[in-house]
Protein backbone atom coordinates (compact mmCIF):
# COMPACT_ATOMS: atom_id res chain seq x y z
CA MET A 1 3.04 -27.06 -0.93
CA ARG A 2 4.64 -24.49 -3.20
CA LEU A 3 2.83 -21.26 -3.87
CA THR A 4 3.07 -19.75 -7.34
CA TYR A 5 2.14 -16.24 -8.35
CA ALA A 6 0.37 -15.04 -11.46
CA SER A 7 2.49 -13.07 -13.88
CA LEU A 8 1.30 -9.76 -15.32
CA PRO A 9 0.32 -11.51 -18.61
CA ASP A 10 -1.64 -14.09 -16.56
CA MET A 11 -3.44 -11.29 -14.69
CA GLN A 12 -4.15 -9.45 -17.95
CA ALA A 13 -5.69 -12.58 -19.50
CA TRP A 14 -7.76 -13.18 -16.36
CA ALA A 15 -9.01 -9.57 -16.37
CA ALA A 16 -9.85 -9.70 -20.08
CA SER A 17 -11.95 -12.83 -19.51
CA ILE A 18 -13.97 -11.12 -16.76
CA MET A 19 -14.41 -7.98 -18.85
CA GLU A 20 -16.00 -9.95 -21.70
CA ARG A 21 -19.31 -9.53 -19.88
CA ALA A 22 -21.04 -6.20 -19.41
CA PRO A 23 -19.73 -4.11 -16.50
CA ASP A 24 -21.60 -4.35 -13.21
CA PHE A 25 -21.55 -0.59 -12.77
CA VAL A 26 -20.82 2.38 -15.06
CA ILE A 27 -19.99 5.71 -13.45
CA GLY A 28 -20.94 8.74 -15.48
CA ASP A 29 -20.80 9.16 -19.21
CA ASP A 30 -18.27 6.37 -19.65
CA TYR A 31 -15.93 7.82 -17.00
CA LEU A 32 -15.29 4.49 -15.26
CA ARG A 33 -16.55 0.95 -15.80
CA ARG A 34 -16.51 -1.46 -12.85
CA TRP A 35 -16.70 -5.24 -12.62
CA TRP A 36 -17.16 -6.90 -9.22
CA VAL A 37 -14.64 -9.74 -8.84
CA ILE A 38 -16.18 -10.95 -5.57
CA PRO A 39 -19.63 -10.20 -4.15
CA ARG A 40 -19.76 -6.73 -2.59
CA ASN A 41 -19.51 -6.74 1.19
CA GLU A 42 -18.57 -4.53 4.15
CA GLN A 43 -15.07 -5.93 4.77
CA VAL A 44 -13.15 -6.16 1.51
CA ASN A 45 -14.08 -5.50 -2.11
CA VAL A 46 -12.26 -6.41 -5.28
CA TYR A 47 -13.08 -4.67 -8.53
CA LEU A 48 -11.75 -4.39 -12.04
CA HIS A 49 -11.77 -0.73 -13.09
CA ASP A 50 -11.65 0.42 -16.70
CA ILE A 51 -10.63 4.06 -16.27
CA ARG A 52 -11.70 5.88 -19.42
CA LYS A 53 -11.67 9.57 -18.44
CA SER A 54 -9.58 11.76 -16.14
CA ASP A 55 -10.77 12.89 -12.72
CA ASP A 56 -11.98 16.48 -12.42
CA ASP A 57 -8.83 18.63 -12.43
CA ARG A 58 -10.02 21.20 -9.87
CA ALA A 59 -9.45 19.08 -6.78
CA MET A 60 -7.84 15.90 -5.54
CA HIS A 61 -10.08 13.39 -3.78
CA ASP A 62 -9.68 10.85 -1.00
CA HIS A 63 -11.56 7.58 -0.44
CA PRO A 64 -13.82 6.04 2.21
CA TRP A 65 -11.47 3.04 2.63
CA SER A 66 -7.82 2.13 2.34
CA ASN A 67 -7.17 0.76 -1.12
CA THR A 68 -4.66 -0.89 -3.39
CA SER A 69 -4.47 -0.46 -7.17
CA PHE A 70 -2.67 -2.98 -9.36
CA LEU A 71 -2.46 -1.48 -12.85
CA LEU A 72 -2.98 -4.28 -15.38
CA PHE A 73 -3.22 -2.45 -18.72
CA GLY A 74 -2.26 0.98 -19.96
CA SER A 75 -0.98 3.85 -17.88
CA TYR A 76 -2.13 7.05 -16.24
CA ILE A 77 -0.69 10.03 -14.42
CA GLU A 78 -1.43 10.22 -10.69
CA HIS A 79 -1.30 13.63 -9.05
CA THR A 80 -0.76 13.65 -5.27
CA PRO A 81 0.33 16.32 -2.76
CA GLU A 82 3.75 14.61 -2.84
CA GLY A 83 4.17 14.90 -6.62
CA THR A 84 3.09 13.63 -10.02
CA PHE A 85 3.75 10.02 -10.99
CA THR A 86 3.25 8.04 -14.18
CA ARG A 87 1.74 4.66 -13.30
CA ARG A 88 2.23 1.81 -15.78
CA ALA A 89 1.00 -1.76 -16.17
CA GLY A 90 2.53 -3.81 -13.36
CA ASP A 91 2.64 -0.95 -10.85
CA VAL A 92 1.00 -1.48 -7.45
CA VAL A 93 -0.05 1.54 -5.38
CA GLU A 94 -1.33 1.34 -1.79
CA ARG A 95 -3.24 4.28 -0.31
CA PRO A 96 -4.71 4.96 3.13
CA ALA A 97 -8.28 6.28 3.02
CA HIS A 98 -7.21 9.89 3.67
CA ALA A 99 -4.63 9.95 0.84
CA LEU A 100 -5.43 12.61 -1.73
CA HIS A 101 -4.95 11.98 -5.42
CA ARG A 102 -6.28 12.69 -8.90
CA LEU A 103 -5.98 10.42 -11.93
CA GLU A 104 -5.26 11.81 -15.38
CA VAL A 105 -5.81 9.51 -18.33
CA ILE A 106 -3.13 9.89 -20.98
CA PRO A 107 -4.75 11.07 -24.25
CA GLY A 108 -5.62 8.14 -26.50
CA GLU A 109 -5.23 5.62 -23.68
CA ARG A 110 -7.29 4.01 -21.00
CA ALA A 111 -6.16 2.14 -17.93
CA ILE A 112 -7.43 -1.07 -16.35
CA SER A 113 -6.69 -1.82 -12.71
CA LEU A 114 -7.46 -4.41 -10.09
CA PHE A 115 -8.78 -2.24 -7.25
CA ILE A 116 -9.00 -3.67 -3.73
CA THR A 117 -10.63 -1.87 -0.81
CA GLY A 118 -10.87 -2.45 2.91
CA PRO A 119 -13.88 -1.62 5.08
CA LYS A 120 -15.36 1.87 4.99
CA VAL A 121 -13.70 4.01 7.66
CA ARG A 122 -14.82 7.53 6.71
CA GLU A 123 -16.75 9.68 4.28
CA TRP A 124 -14.90 10.79 1.16
CA GLY A 125 -14.64 14.02 -0.73
CA PHE A 126 -12.47 16.61 -2.40
CA ASP A 127 -9.73 18.91 -1.08
CA CYS A 128 -10.66 22.27 -2.54
CA GLY A 129 -7.79 24.31 -1.12
CA HIS A 130 -10.10 26.25 1.21
CA GLY A 131 -11.32 23.02 2.82
CA TRP A 132 -12.74 19.58 2.29
CA VAL A 133 -16.01 19.18 0.34
CA HIS A 134 -18.14 16.02 0.65
CA TRP A 135 -18.45 14.08 -2.62
CA GLN A 136 -22.25 14.51 -2.70
CA ASP A 137 -21.81 18.28 -2.66
CA PHE A 138 -18.95 18.37 -5.16
CA THR A 139 -20.60 16.12 -7.74
CA SER A 140 -23.85 16.53 -9.64
CA ALA A 141 -26.95 15.25 -7.87
CA ASP A 142 -28.01 13.56 -11.13
CA ASP A 143 -24.64 12.04 -12.05
CA SER A 144 -21.87 11.49 -9.49
CA SER A 145 -19.19 11.44 -12.20
CA ARG A 146 -20.01 15.02 -13.21
CA THR A 147 -19.11 18.07 -11.21
CA GLY A 148 -22.02 19.77 -9.55
CA ARG A 149 -21.13 22.69 -7.33
CA GLY A 150 -17.50 21.58 -7.30
CA CYS A 151 -15.25 23.69 -5.09
CA GLY A 152 -17.65 26.63 -5.04
CA GLU A 153 -16.03 28.54 -7.89
CA HIS A 154 -19.18 30.64 -8.15
CA GLY A 155 -19.51 31.47 -4.47
CA ASP A 156 -22.12 28.85 -3.63
CA LEU A 157 -20.30 27.11 -0.75
CA SER A 158 -20.98 27.67 2.90
CA PRO A 159 -18.09 27.41 5.42
CA VAL A 160 -15.93 24.34 4.86
CA THR A 161 -13.90 22.06 7.10
CA GLY A 162 -10.48 20.48 7.03
CA VAL A 163 -9.78 17.31 5.05
CA GLY A 164 -11.89 14.43 6.34
CA GLN A 165 -13.81 16.46 8.92
CA THR A 166 -17.55 16.96 9.22
CA ARG A 167 -19.43 17.29 5.95
CA VAL A 168 -19.55 20.69 4.30
CA VAL A 169 -23.02 22.13 3.77
CA LEU A 170 -23.59 24.04 0.55
CA ALA A 171 -25.89 27.01 0.23
CA ALA A 172 -28.95 26.32 -1.93
């Protein structure tokens, strides 16, 4: 038996066919649209992501699982502690759960990626320079794609922890 691999144009056509239906999940005010490629489960998940807006520029975030992004359409700029990288269609990026990054959508563009995750291994949040802030404290309680208290720019954070440590508690 000979295995063949899908080319980038094959993958793009496949993704476009899935994205003809309404997204399964929309995060925020059209920040990110998500289609589930396989049924959601606790071991591995496969999504198509239509990234339409940049991540909040005040802090990089990590993830609750190791993940792989295969960029199918468009491009974006990825900011990491190691540097800034332009990711283009065809690029594959693997990240451990604790890897910090921030995505910046190039003006006038959007990016579509095949996003694959492993099992949840930790909580996720934002590295605010003075410590790690849990995503539920950083984002708005009403809309997780919008910044709520963020990094505590207005003095409303209680003591914080290191990246990936116990959840930060914010003052009311």
